[in-house]
Amino acid sequence: MDFQDIKKFGNWLDKNIKSKTDGKQVCGYPREIMGNCKRFVIWFVESCAPISSRGLGVNYNFHELIKAHELCWLRCMSGNTNDPIAPNITDEQLCNIEAILHNALSDSGDEDSSAVRNYLIYRLIRAFGLRIGEALALRLSDLKLNGAHPSLEITRIDERGAEYQDPRSPYHPKVKTLSRLLYFDPGDKDLLALLEQYISFHRVKIADVGGKRRASIFLGHDFIFIEHGDKSSARPLSCSAATKIASSISAQVGFKFHWHVLRHATFNRLYEAASNLKDNATEMDHIVYMGGWASSESLRIYARRAIRDSALRKLNRINQMGASG
């Protein structure tokens, strides 16, 4: 299959595939089909492409073949022709969210475990651009907080071994992007301290022992973020509970907030900073790796955001100059 074949298939899907809802096409349904077909084709290439020797050049050509298929399918997926722009949160809005979540810590005297957890999830997504599913799937074994280079590791579910279990199944959070190792910034000392505080004092199970309520760190699972409250049994925090937290934040700040737009806000700022550098190929590669993407094609929505925001800033300066004149 080449680019034209994939493009024709995508156009046919847009015109002919109908959903099961009153015969009307559900938004994103053809794109979902295209995504499944892309994964099958990539699997087929990886499984069946002939490799006659083990030379380095052959391996490179094999890698380029897979990359070419990835790009062809991505470019032909329904929705790409609309040139989507990454959503964003303004600096002022980010400050409002941070203030509300941080004030919840102060108001509770650091005794409210839910407040510590919610602020910690916000800080991790803000720092690393994690998906909410990646944050919820983090385990104690994924953290290395000691040493000169503290880090966290994002590991795909299918790479966690046959013994991996999640009590939230079948609605367990999924790691949709590639696995990667991410290092904390030297300025993240307060974030590291908050992580250690949460794990040591808040990630506990309250149980009755001999008529007395005692805290135990032995939870029966390795996941970091848990439900809090007398009836929660310290279960891993669910995706639906995380959505409710985001809805609560929306109600407090007065604008629509969800966790994924926070991920976009992180990469919007990283991309804009990198785009202002000369010879920035290495910086762009770092962003692709940090986001867990397979190729730089995923940065297109951030490029369009940066171009549009730059144009708006120039237009505002022109308007201000005209008004002052």
C-alpha atoms as a PDB file:
ATOM      1  CA  MET A   1       0.000   0.000   0.000  1.00  0.00           C
ATOM      2  CA  ASP A   2       1.183   3.499  -0.781  1.00  0.00           C
ATOM      3  CA  PHE A   3      -0.014   6.973   0.169  1.00  0.00           C
ATOM      4  CA  GLN A   4      -2.631   7.148  -2.604  1.00  0.00           C
ATOM      5  CA  ASP A   5      -4.152   3.801  -1.578  1.00  0.00           C
ATOM      6  CA  ILE A   6      -4.470   4.907   2.044  1.00  0.00           C
ATOM      7  CA  LYS A   7      -5.908   8.285   0.994  1.00  0.00           C
ATOM      8  CA  LYS A   8      -8.561   6.637  -1.199  1.00  0.00           C
ATOM      9  CA  PHE A   9      -9.492   4.289   1.638  1.00  0.00           C
ATOM     10  CA  GLY A  10      -9.856   7.244   4.048  1.00  0.00           C
ATOM     11  CA  ASN A  11     -12.082   9.129   1.587  1.00  0.00           C
ATOM     12  CA  TRP A  12     -14.244   6.044   1.096  1.00  0.00           C
ATOM     13  CA  LEU A  13     -14.696   5.705   4.864  1.00  0.00           C
ATOM     14  CA  ASP A  14     -15.772   9.337   5.190  1.00  0.00           C
ATOM     15  CA  LYS A  15     -18.446   8.912   2.534  1.00  0.00           C
ATOM     16  CA  ASN A  16     -19.780   5.431   3.230  1.00  0.00           C
ATOM     17  CA  ILE A  17     -19.231   4.225   6.793  1.00  0.00           C
ATOM     18  CA  LYS A  18     -22.230   4.813   9.033  1.00  0.00           C
ATOM     19  CA  SER A  19     -22.443   4.354  12.772  1.00  0.00           C
ATOM     20  CA  LYS A  20     -25.109   2.429  14.655  1.00  0.00           C
ATOM     21  CA  THR A  21     -26.726   5.647  15.903  1.00  0.00           C
ATOM     22  CA  ASP A  22     -29.690   6.438  13.654  1.00  0.00           C
ATOM     23  CA  GLY A  23     -27.610   5.864  10.537  1.00  0.00           C
ATOM     24  CA  LYS A  24     -25.566   9.011  11.211  1.00  0.00           C
ATOM     25  CA  GLN A  25     -21.806   9.012  11.251  1.00  0.00           C
ATOM     26  CA  VAL A  26     -20.364   9.534  14.726  1.00  0.00           C
ATOM     27  CA  CYS A  27     -17.598  12.126  14.829  1.00  0.00           C
ATOM     28  CA  GLY A  28     -14.231  10.371  14.885  1.00  0.00           C
ATOM     29  CA  TYR A  29     -15.575   6.933  13.912  1.00  0.00           C
ATOM     30  CA  PRO A  30     -13.779   6.759  10.517  1.00  0.00           C
ATOM     31  CA  ARG A  31     -10.613   8.011  12.223  1.00  0.00           C
ATOM     32  CA  GLU A  32     -10.893   5.202  14.770  1.00  0.00           C
ATOM     33  CA  ILE A  33     -11.161   2.666  11.938  1.00  0.00           C
ATOM     34  CA  MET A  34      -8.142   4.228  10.239  1.00  0.00           C
ATOM     35  CA  GLY A  35      -6.194   4.008  13.488  1.00  0.00           C
ATOM     36  CA  ASN A  36      -6.977   0.311  13.857  1.00  0.00           C
ATOM     37  CA  CYS A  37      -5.996  -0.331  10.230  1.00  0.00           C
ATOM     38  CA  LYS A  38      -2.747   1.572  10.754  1.00  0.00           C
ATOM     39  CA  ARG A  39      -1.848  -0.588  13.742  1.00  0.00           C
ATOM     40  CA  PHE A  40      -2.602  -3.750  11.764  1.00  0.00           C
ATOM     41  CA  VAL A  41      -0.478  -2.642   8.800  1.00  0.00           C
ATOM     42  CA  ILE A  42       2.442  -1.726  11.093  1.00  0.00           C
ATOM     43  CA  TRP A  43       2.143  -5.106  12.819  1.00  0.00           C
ATOM     44  CA  PHE A  44       2.074  -6.826   9.416  1.00  0.00           C
ATOM     45  CA  VAL A  45       5.181  -4.961   8.267  1.00  0.00           C
ATOM     46  CA  GLU A  46       7.036  -5.763  11.493  1.00  0.00           C
ATOM     47  CA  SER A  47       6.034  -9.434  11.305  1.00  0.00           C
ATOM     48  CA  CYS A  48       6.361 -10.164   7.605  1.00  0.00           C
ATOM     49  CA  ALA A  49       8.830  -7.757   6.006  1.00  0.00           C
ATOM     50  CA  PRO A  50      11.736  -9.901   4.730  1.00  0.00           C
ATOM     51  CA  ILE A  51      15.150  -9.236   6.266  1.00  0.00           C
ATOM     52  CA  SER A  52      17.836 -11.126   4.408  1.00  0.00           C
ATOM     53  CA  SER A  53      20.784 -10.009   6.561  1.00  0.00           C
ATOM     54  CA  ARG A  54      21.576  -8.453   9.916  1.00  0.00           C
ATOM     55  CA  GLY A  55      23.560  -5.519   8.602  1.00  0.00           C
ATOM     56  CA  LEU A  56      23.104  -2.054  10.068  1.00  0.00           C
ATOM     57  CA  GLY A  57      21.900  -0.690   6.723  1.00  0.00           C
ATOM     58  CA  VAL A  58      19.131  -3.285   6.544  1.00  0.00           C
ATOM     59  CA  ASN A  59      17.963  -2.397  10.049  1.00  0.00           C
ATOM     60  CA  TYR A  60      17.913   1.282   9.134  1.00  0.00           C
ATOM     61  CA  ASN A  61      15.859   0.606   5.983  1.00  0.00           C
ATOM     62  CA  PHE A  62      13.434  -1.526   7.992  1.00  0.00           C
ATOM     63  CA  HIS A  63      12.986   1.308  10.504  1.00  0.00           C
ATOM     64  CA  GLU A  64      12.420   3.832   7.710  1.00  0.00           C
ATOM     65  CA  LEU A  65       9.779   1.554   6.126  1.00  0.00           C
ATOM     66  CA  ILE A  66       7.797   1.437   9.376  1.00  0.00           C
ATOM     67  CA  LYS A  67       8.168   5.203   9.841  1.00  0.00           C
ATOM     68  CA  ALA A  68       6.921   5.831   6.288  1.00  0.00           C
ATOM     69  CA  HIS A  69       3.791   3.749   6.920  1.00  0.00           C
ATOM     70  CA  GLU A  70       3.164   5.613  10.194  1.00  0.00           C
ATOM     71  CA  LEU A  71       3.358   9.003   8.486  1.00  0.00           C
ATOM     72  CA  CYS A  72       1.161   7.980   5.536  1.00  0.00           C
ATOM     73  CA  TRP A  73      -1.646   6.769   7.793  1.00  0.00           C
ATOM     74  CA  LEU A  74      -1.420   9.792  10.087  1.00  0.00           C
ATOM     75  CA  ARG A  75      -1.627  12.236   7.178  1.00  0.00           C
ATOM     76  CA  CYS A  76      -4.660  10.475   5.701  1.00  0.00           C
ATOM     77  CA  MET A  77      -6.704  10.104   8.877  1.00  0.00           C
ATOM     78  CA  SER A  78      -9.988  11.984   8.827  1.00  0.00           C
ATOM     79  CA  GLY A  79      -9.669  15.206  10.767  1.00  0.00           C
ATOM     80  CA  ASN A  80      -6.107  16.066   9.773  1.00  0.00           C
ATOM     81  CA  THR A  81      -7.345  18.071   6.800  1.00  0.00           C
ATOM     82  CA  ASN A  82      -9.075  20.464   9.216  1.00  0.00           C
ATOM     83  CA  ASP A  83      -5.684  21.553  10.565  1.00  0.00           C
ATOM     84  CA  PRO A  84      -6.558  21.182  14.254  1.00  0.00           C
ATOM     85  CA  ILE A  85      -4.836  23.481  16.725  1.00  0.00           C
ATOM     86  CA  ALA A  86      -3.821  22.305  20.178  1.00  0.00           C
ATOM     87  CA  PRO A  87      -6.108  23.728  22.889  1.00  0.00           C
ATOM     88  CA  ASN A  88      -4.419  25.827  25.527  1.00  0.00           C
ATOM     89  CA  ILE A  89      -4.720  27.401  28.966  1.00  0.00           C
ATOM     90  CA  THR A  90      -3.535  30.961  29.518  1.00  0.00           C
ATOM     91  CA  ASP A  91      -0.867  31.775  32.091  1.00  0.00           C
ATOM     92  CA  GLU A  92      -3.497  33.534  34.194  1.00  0.00           C
ATOM     93  CA  GLN A  93      -5.767  30.484  34.135  1.00  0.00           C
ATOM     94  CA  LEU A  94      -2.875  28.210  35.111  1.00  0.00           C
ATOM     95  CA  CYS A  95      -2.118  30.516  38.046  1.00  0.00           C
ATOM     96  CA  ASN A  96      -5.766  30.364  39.137  1.00  0.00           C
ATOM     97  CA  ILE A  97      -5.803  26.552  39.063  1.00  0.00           C
ATOM     98  CA  GLU A  98      -2.491  26.335  40.901  1.00  0.00           C
ATOM     99  CA  ALA A  99      -3.681  28.801  43.553  1.00  0.00           C
ATOM    100  CA  ILE A 100      -6.932  26.930  44.192  1.00  0.00           C
ATOM    101  CA  LEU A 101      -5.236  23.533  44.499  1.00  0.00           C
ATOM    102  CA  HIS A 102      -2.365  24.882  46.587  1.00  0.00           C
ATOM    103  CA  ASN A 103      -4.690  26.851  48.879  1.00  0.00           C
ATOM    104  CA  ALA A 104      -6.578  23.628  49.531  1.00  0.00           C
ATOM    105  CA  LEU A 105      -3.358  22.321  51.102  1.00  0.00           C
ATOM    106  CA  SER A 106      -3.008  25.354  53.342  1.00  0.00           C
ATOM    107  CA  ASP A 107      -6.657  25.356  54.372  1.00  0.00           C
ATOM    108  CA  SER A 108      -6.442  21.703  55.418  1.00  0.00           C
ATOM    109  CA  GLY A 109      -3.118  22.041  57.187  1.00  0.00           C
ATOM    110  CA  ASP A 110      -1.738  19.308  54.948  1.00  0.00           C
ATOM    111  CA  GLU A 111      -4.099  16.870  56.682  1.00  0.00           C
ATOM    112  CA  ASP A 112      -6.446  16.393  53.737  1.00  0.00           C
ATOM    113  CA  SER A 113      -4.929  13.556  51.723  1.00  0.00           C
ATOM    114  CA  SER A 114      -7.240  14.256  48.759  1.00  0.00           C
ATOM    115  CA  ALA A 115      -5.968  17.837  48.526  1.00  0.00           C
ATOM    116  CA  VAL A 116      -2.337  16.682  48.516  1.00  0.00           C
ATOM    117  CA  ARG A 117      -3.121  14.040  45.873  1.00  0.00           C
ATOM    118  CA  ASN A 118      -5.007  16.431  43.577  1.00  0.00           C
ATOM    119  CA  TYR A 119      -2.291  19.075  43.712  1.00  0.00           C
ATOM    120  CA  LEU A 120       0.374  16.431  43.101  1.00  0.00           C
ATOM    121  CA  ILE A 121      -1.424  15.100  40.001  1.00  0.00           C
ATOM    122  CA  TYR A 122      -1.655  18.673  38.688  1.00  0.00           C
ATOM    123  CA  ARG A 123       2.052  19.309  39.270  1.00  0.00           C
ATOM    124  CA  LEU A 124       3.157  16.065  37.586  1.00  0.00           C
ATOM    125  CA  ILE A 125       1.035  16.656  34.488  1.00  0.00           C
ATOM    126  CA  ARG A 126       2.169  20.280  34.364  1.00  0.00           C
ATOM    127  CA  ALA A 127       5.847  19.301  34.676  1.00  0.00           C
ATOM    128  CA  PHE A 128       5.965  16.331  32.304  1.00  0.00           C
ATOM    129  CA  GLY A 129       2.898  16.688  30.056  1.00  0.00           C
ATOM    130  CA  LEU A 130       1.555  13.309  31.170  1.00  0.00           C
ATOM    131  CA  ARG A 131      -1.780  11.934  30.071  1.00  0.00           C
ATOM    132  CA  ILE A 132      -4.108  11.443  33.017  1.00  0.00           C
ATOM    133  CA  GLY A 133      -4.072   7.689  32.323  1.00  0.00           C
ATOM    134  CA  GLU A 134      -0.280   7.706  32.588  1.00  0.00           C
ATOM    135  CA  ALA A 135      -0.440   9.539  35.913  1.00  0.00           C
ATOM    136  CA  LEU A 136      -3.030   7.135  37.328  1.00  0.00           C
ATOM    137  CA  ALA A 137      -1.014   4.117  36.137  1.00  0.00           C
ATOM    138  CA  LEU A 138       2.166   5.251  37.921  1.00  0.00           C
ATOM    139  CA  ARG A 139       3.503   2.750  40.460  1.00  0.00           C
ATOM    140  CA  LEU A 140       5.964   3.093  43.297  1.00  0.00           C
ATOM    141  CA  SER A 141       8.396   1.027  41.228  1.00  0.00           C
ATOM    142  CA  ASP A 142       8.251   3.673  38.479  1.00  0.00           C
ATOM    143  CA  LEU A 143       9.747   6.329  40.766  1.00  0.00           C
ATOM    144  CA  LYS A 144      13.388   6.900  41.602  1.00  0.00           C
ATOM    145  CA  LEU A 145      13.408   9.885  43.951  1.00  0.00           C
ATOM    146  CA  ASN A 146      16.879   9.425  45.450  1.00  0.00           C
ATOM    147  CA  GLY A 147      20.276  10.045  43.922  1.00  0.00           C
ATOM    148  CA  ALA A 148      21.631  12.797  41.733  1.00  0.00           C
ATOM    149  CA  HIS A 149      19.036  12.338  38.967  1.00  0.00           C
ATOM    150  CA  PRO A 150      15.534  11.597  40.335  1.00  0.00           C
ATOM    151  CA  SER A 151      13.182  10.298  37.652  1.00  0.00           C
ATOM    152  CA  LEU A 152       9.900   8.656  36.833  1.00  0.00           C
ATOM    153  CA  GLU A 153       9.300   6.016  34.185  1.00  0.00           C
ATOM    154  CA  ILE A 154       6.252   5.709  31.960  1.00  0.00           C
ATOM    155  CA  THR A 155       5.753   2.074  30.962  1.00  0.00           C
ATOM    156  CA  ARG A 156       3.150   0.836  28.519  1.00  0.00           C
ATOM    157  CA  ILE A 157       0.697  -1.674  29.966  1.00  0.00           C
ATOM    158  CA  ASP A 158       1.674  -4.333  27.405  1.00  0.00           C
ATOM    159  CA  GLU A 159       5.305  -3.978  28.535  1.00  0.00           C
ATOM    160  CA  ARG A 160       4.638  -4.581  32.244  1.00  0.00           C
ATOM    161  CA  GLY A 161       4.797  -8.365  32.062  1.00  0.00           C
ATOM    162  CA  ALA A 162       2.287 -11.201  32.259  1.00  0.00           C
ATOM    163  CA  GLU A 163       1.923 -10.879  36.050  1.00  0.00           C
ATOM    164  CA  TYR A 164       0.780  -7.264  35.901  1.00  0.00           C
ATOM    165  CA  GLN A 165      -2.650  -6.733  37.473  1.00  0.00           C
ATOM    166  CA  ASP A 166      -4.846  -3.689  37.994  1.00  0.00           C
ATOM    167  CA  PRO A 167      -7.888  -3.902  40.304  1.00  0.00           C
ATOM    168  CA  ARG A 168      -9.593  -1.227  38.189  1.00  0.00           C
ATOM    169  CA  SER A 169      -9.811  -3.602  35.188  1.00  0.00           C
ATOM    170  CA  PRO A 170     -11.571  -3.544  32.725  1.00  0.00           C
ATOM    171  CA  TYR A 171     -11.693   0.249  33.183  1.00  0.00           C
ATOM    172  CA  HIS A 172      -8.067   0.599  34.177  1.00  0.00           C
ATOM    173  CA  PRO A 173      -6.095   3.632  32.944  1.00  0.00           C
ATOM    174  CA  LYS A 174      -4.071   2.987  29.819  1.00  0.00           C
ATOM    175  CA  VAL A 175      -0.690   4.253  28.682  1.00  0.00           C
ATOM    176  CA  LYS A 176      -1.405   5.169  25.067  1.00  0.00           C
ATOM    177  CA  THR A 177       1.957   6.687  24.201  1.00  0.00           C
ATOM    178  CA  LEU A 178       5.439   5.164  24.110  1.00  0.00           C
ATOM    179  CA  SER A 179       7.361   4.190  27.215  1.00  0.00           C
ATOM    180  CA  ARG A 180       9.959   6.701  28.355  1.00  0.00           C
ATOM    181  CA  LEU A 181      12.187   7.759  31.249  1.00  0.00           C
ATOM    182  CA  LEU A 182      11.674  11.347  32.441  1.00  0.00           C
ATOM    183  CA  TYR A 183      13.959  13.275  34.779  1.00  0.00           C
ATOM    184  CA  PHE A 184      12.882  15.847  37.331  1.00  0.00           C
ATOM    185  CA  ASP A 185      14.172  19.368  36.857  1.00  0.00           C
ATOM    186  CA  PRO A 186      16.652  20.649  39.478  1.00  0.00           C
ATOM    187  CA  GLY A 187      14.019  23.261  40.372  1.00  0.00           C
ATOM    188  CA  ASP A 188      11.451  20.572  41.229  1.00  0.00           C
ATOM    189  CA  LYS A 189      12.668  20.044  44.814  1.00  0.00           C
ATOM    190  CA  ASP A 190       9.280  21.021  46.234  1.00  0.00           C
ATOM    191  CA  LEU A 191       7.578  18.571  43.856  1.00  0.00           C
ATOM    192  CA  LEU A 192       9.897  15.766  44.978  1.00  0.00           C
ATOM    193  CA  ALA A 193       9.246  16.652  48.613  1.00  0.00           C
ATOM    194  CA  LEU A 194       5.491  16.584  47.980  1.00  0.00           C
ATOM    195  CA  LEU A 195       5.761  13.152  46.346  1.00  0.00           C
ATOM    196  CA  GLU A 196       7.688  11.782  49.316  1.00  0.00           C
ATOM    197  CA  GLN A 197       5.186  13.344  51.709  1.00  0.00           C
ATOM    198  CA  TYR A 198       2.212  11.831  49.913  1.00  0.00           C
ATOM    199  CA  ILE A 199       3.755   8.360  49.683  1.00  0.00           C
ATOM    200  CA  SER A 200       4.919   8.348  53.309  1.00  0.00           C
ATOM    201  CA  PHE A 201       1.947   9.905  55.094  1.00  0.00           C
ATOM    202  CA  HIS A 202      -1.112   9.954  52.799  1.00  0.00           C
ATOM    203  CA  ARG A 203      -0.881   6.836  50.670  1.00  0.00           C
ATOM    204  CA  VAL A 204      -2.133   4.678  53.515  1.00  0.00           C
ATOM    205  CA  LYS A 205      -5.049   2.464  54.412  1.00  0.00           C
ATOM    206  CA  ILE A 206      -6.975   3.176  57.606  1.00  0.00           C
ATOM    207  CA  ALA A 207      -8.063  -0.003  59.368  1.00  0.00           C
ATOM    208  CA  ASP A 208      -9.440  -1.025  62.761  1.00  0.00           C
ATOM    209  CA  VAL A 209      -6.837  -2.965  64.731  1.00  0.00           C
ATOM    210  CA  GLY A 210      -7.909  -4.050  68.192  1.00  0.00           C
ATOM    211  CA  GLY A 211     -10.602  -1.404  68.289  1.00  0.00           C
ATOM    212  CA  LYS A 212      -8.185   1.341  67.298  1.00  0.00           C
ATOM    213  CA  ARG A 213      -7.878   3.033  63.932  1.00  0.00           C
ATOM    214  CA  ARG A 214      -4.392   2.615  62.515  1.00  0.00           C
ATOM    215  CA  ALA A 215      -2.738   3.565  59.250  1.00  0.00           C
ATOM    216  CA  SER A 216      -1.011   0.942  57.145  1.00  0.00           C
ATOM    217  CA  ILE A 217       1.234   1.449  54.115  1.00  0.00           C
ATOM    218  CA  PHE A 218       0.517  -2.095  52.880  1.00  0.00           C
ATOM    219  CA  LEU A 219      -2.253  -1.612  50.339  1.00  0.00           C
ATOM    220  CA  GLY A 220      -2.125  -4.762  48.236  1.00  0.00           C
ATOM    221  CA  HIS A 221      -1.157  -2.822  45.112  1.00  0.00           C
ATOM    222  CA  ASP A 222       1.731  -0.669  43.890  1.00  0.00           C
ATOM    223  CA  PHE A 223      -0.164   2.279  42.370  1.00  0.00           C
ATOM    224  CA  ILE A 224       0.701   5.718  43.727  1.00  0.00           C
ATOM    225  CA  PHE A 225      -2.580   7.622  43.615  1.00  0.00           C
ATOM    226  CA  ILE A 226      -5.427   6.190  45.660  1.00  0.00           C
ATOM    227  CA  GLU A 227      -8.973   6.995  46.713  1.00  0.00           C
ATOM    228  CA  HIS A 228      -9.230   8.554  50.163  1.00  0.00           C
ATOM    229  CA  GLY A 229     -11.974   8.252  52.737  1.00  0.00           C
ATOM    230  CA  ASP A 230     -13.272   5.741  55.228  1.00  0.00           C
ATOM    231  CA  LYS A 231     -15.010   3.612  52.610  1.00  0.00           C
ATOM    232  CA  SER A 232     -12.415   3.726  49.837  1.00  0.00           C
ATOM    233  CA  SER A 233     -10.180   0.883  51.112  1.00  0.00           C
ATOM    234  CA  ALA A 234      -7.282   2.800  49.515  1.00  0.00           C
ATOM    235  CA  ARG A 235      -8.133   1.515  46.055  1.00  0.00           C
ATOM    236  CA  PRO A 236      -6.202   2.981  43.090  1.00  0.00           C
ATOM    237  CA  LEU A 237      -7.789   6.215  41.894  1.00  0.00           C
ATOM    238  CA  SER A 238     -10.164   5.494  38.998  1.00  0.00           C
ATOM    239  CA  CYS A 239     -10.453   7.363  35.694  1.00  0.00           C
ATOM    240  CA  SER A 240     -14.024   8.419  36.537  1.00  0.00           C
ATOM    241  CA  ALA A 241     -12.893   9.814  39.903  1.00  0.00           C
ATOM    242  CA  ALA A 242     -10.125  11.801  38.161  1.00  0.00           C
ATOM    243  CA  THR A 243     -12.724  13.221  35.770  1.00  0.00           C
ATOM    244  CA  LYS A 244     -14.839  14.345  38.729  1.00  0.00           C
ATOM    245  CA  ILE A 245     -11.803  16.094  40.224  1.00  0.00           C
ATOM    246  CA  ALA A 246     -11.325  17.989  36.955  1.00  0.00           C
ATOM    247  CA  SER A 247     -15.030  18.944  36.961  1.00  0.00           C
ATOM    248  CA  SER A 248     -14.668  20.246  40.521  1.00  0.00           C
ATOM    249  CA  ILE A 249     -11.702  22.372  39.436  1.00  0.00           C
ATOM    250  CA  SER A 250     -13.788  23.733  36.545  1.00  0.00           C
ATOM    251  CA  ALA A 251     -16.536  24.797  38.949  1.00  0.00           C
ATOM    252  CA  GLN A 252     -14.029  26.617  41.165  1.00  0.00           C
ATOM    253  CA  VAL A 253     -12.082  28.464  38.458  1.00  0.00           C
ATOM    254  CA  GLY A 254     -15.110  29.363  36.333  1.00  0.00           C
ATOM    255  CA  PHE A 255     -13.921  27.920  33.014  1.00  0.00           C
ATOM    256  CA  LYS A 256     -13.841  24.467  31.418  1.00  0.00           C
ATOM    257  CA  PHE A 257     -10.896  22.440  32.626  1.00  0.00           C
ATOM    258  CA  HIS A 258      -9.883  18.853  31.964  1.00  0.00           C
ATOM    259  CA  TRP A 259      -6.595  17.050  32.520  1.00  0.00           C
ATOM    260  CA  HIS A 260      -5.714  16.639  28.854  1.00  0.00           C
ATOM    261  CA  VAL A 261      -5.799  20.374  28.148  1.00  0.00           C
ATOM    262  CA  LEU A 262      -3.152  20.703  30.881  1.00  0.00           C
ATOM    263  CA  ARG A 263      -0.956  18.287  28.900  1.00  0.00           C
ATOM    264  CA  HIS A 264      -1.498  20.462  25.816  1.00  0.00           C
ATOM    265  CA  ALA A 265      -0.597  23.583  27.816  1.00  0.00           C
ATOM    266  CA  THR A 266       2.752  22.036  28.736  1.00  0.00           C
ATOM    267  CA  PHE A 267       3.664  21.083  25.179  1.00  0.00           C
ATOM    268  CA  ASN A 268       2.407  24.376  23.729  1.00  0.00           C
ATOM    269  CA  ARG A 269       4.949  26.186  25.892  1.00  0.00           C
ATOM    270  CA  LEU A 270       7.751  23.718  25.233  1.00  0.00           C
ATOM    271  CA  TYR A 271       7.193  23.879  21.476  1.00  0.00           C
ATOM    272  CA  GLU A 272       7.047  27.682  21.370  1.00  0.00           C
ATOM    273  CA  ALA A 273      10.267  27.967  23.385  1.00  0.00           C
ATOM    274  CA  ALA A 274      12.032  25.473  21.100  1.00  0.00           C
ATOM    275  CA  SER A 275      10.741  27.131  17.927  1.00  0.00           C
ATOM    276  CA  ASN A 276      12.475  30.376  18.933  1.00  0.00           C
ATOM    277  CA  LEU A 277      15.866  28.647  19.009  1.00  0.00           C
ATOM    278  CA  LYS A 278      18.191  28.390  16.040  1.00  0.00           C
ATOM    279  CA  ASP A 279      19.085  24.833  14.923  1.00  0.00           C
ATOM    280  CA  ASN A 280      16.460  23.382  17.253  1.00  0.00           C
ATOM    281  CA  ALA A 281      16.259  19.829  15.856  1.00  0.00           C
ATOM    282  CA  THR A 282      17.602  18.323  19.072  1.00  0.00           C
ATOM    283  CA  GLU A 283      15.148  20.270  21.225  1.00  0.00           C
ATOM    284  CA  MET A 284      12.256  19.131  19.013  1.00  0.00           C
ATOM    285  CA  ASP A 285      13.410  15.516  19.312  1.00  0.00           C
ATOM    286  CA  HIS A 286      13.408  15.921  23.094  1.00  0.00           C
ATOM    287  CA  ILE A 287       9.797  17.155  22.997  1.00  0.00           C
ATOM    288  CA  VAL A 288       8.751  14.193  20.830  1.00  0.00           C
ATOM    289  CA  TYR A 289      10.404  11.812  23.294  1.00  0.00           C
ATOM    290  CA  MET A 290       8.900  13.559  26.323  1.00  0.00           C
ATOM    291  CA  GLY A 291       5.415  13.339  24.803  1.00  0.00           C
ATOM    292  CA  GLY A 292       5.819   9.653  24.048  1.00  0.00           C
ATOM    293  CA  TRP A 293       5.062  10.111  20.352  1.00  0.00           C
ATOM    294  CA  ALA A 294       6.326   7.920  17.522  1.00  0.00           C
ATOM    295  CA  SER A 295       7.252  10.825  15.244  1.00  0.00           C
ATOM    296  CA  SER A 296       7.450  14.605  15.016  1.00  0.00           C
ATOM    297  CA  GLU A 297       4.172  14.526  13.062  1.00  0.00           C
ATOM    298  CA  SER A 298       2.373  14.791  16.410  1.00  0.00           C
ATOM    299  CA  LEU A 299       3.886  18.261  16.922  1.00  0.00           C
ATOM    300  CA  ARG A 300       1.887  19.763  14.049  1.00  0.00           C
ATOM    301  CA  ILE A 301      -0.988  20.852  16.319  1.00  0.00           C
ATOM    302  CA  TYR A 302       1.502  22.700  18.541  1.00  0.00           C
ATOM    303  CA  ALA A 303       3.192  24.281  15.523  1.00  0.00           C
ATOM    304  CA  ARG A 304      -0.150  25.654  14.354  1.00  0.00           C
ATOM    305  CA  ARG A 305      -0.864  26.966  17.846  1.00  0.00           C
ATOM    306  CA  ALA A 306       2.526  28.718  17.975  1.00  0.00           C
ATOM    307  CA  ILE A 307       2.036  30.262  14.509  1.00  0.00           C
ATOM    308  CA  ARG A 308      -1.457  31.509  15.333  1.00  0.00           C
ATOM    309  CA  ASP A 309      -0.471  32.927  18.722  1.00  0.00           C
ATOM    310  CA  SER A 310       2.529  34.690  17.190  1.00  0.00           C
ATOM    311  CA  ALA A 311       0.298  36.249  14.528  1.00  0.00           C
ATOM    312  CA  LEU A 312      -2.176  37.404  17.182  1.00  0.00           C
ATOM    313  CA  ARG A 313       0.578  39.015  19.243  1.00  0.00           C
ATOM    314  CA  LYS A 314       1.866  40.911  16.209  1.00  0.00           C
ATOM    315  CA  LEU A 315      -1.664  42.045  15.348  1.00  0.00           C
ATOM    316  CA  ASN A 316      -2.206  43.277  18.915  1.00  0.00           C
ATOM    317  CA  ARG A 317       1.036  45.259  18.807  1.00  0.00           C
ATOM    318  CA  ILE A 318      -0.001  46.855  15.517  1.00  0.00           C
ATOM    319  CA  ASN A 319      -3.412  47.754  16.953  1.00  0.00           C
ATOM    320  CA  GLN A 320      -1.820  49.257  20.073  1.00  0.00           C
ATOM    321  CA  MET A 321       0.572  51.325  17.980  1.00  0.00           C
ATOM    322  CA  GLY A 322      -2.350  52.573  15.895  1.00  0.00           C
ATOM    323  CA  ALA A 323      -4.376  53.467  18.973  1.00  0.00           C
ATOM    324  CA  SER A 324      -1.485  55.354  20.580  1.00  0.00           C
ATOM    325  CA  GLY A 325      -0.835  57.232  17.343  1.00  0.00           C
END
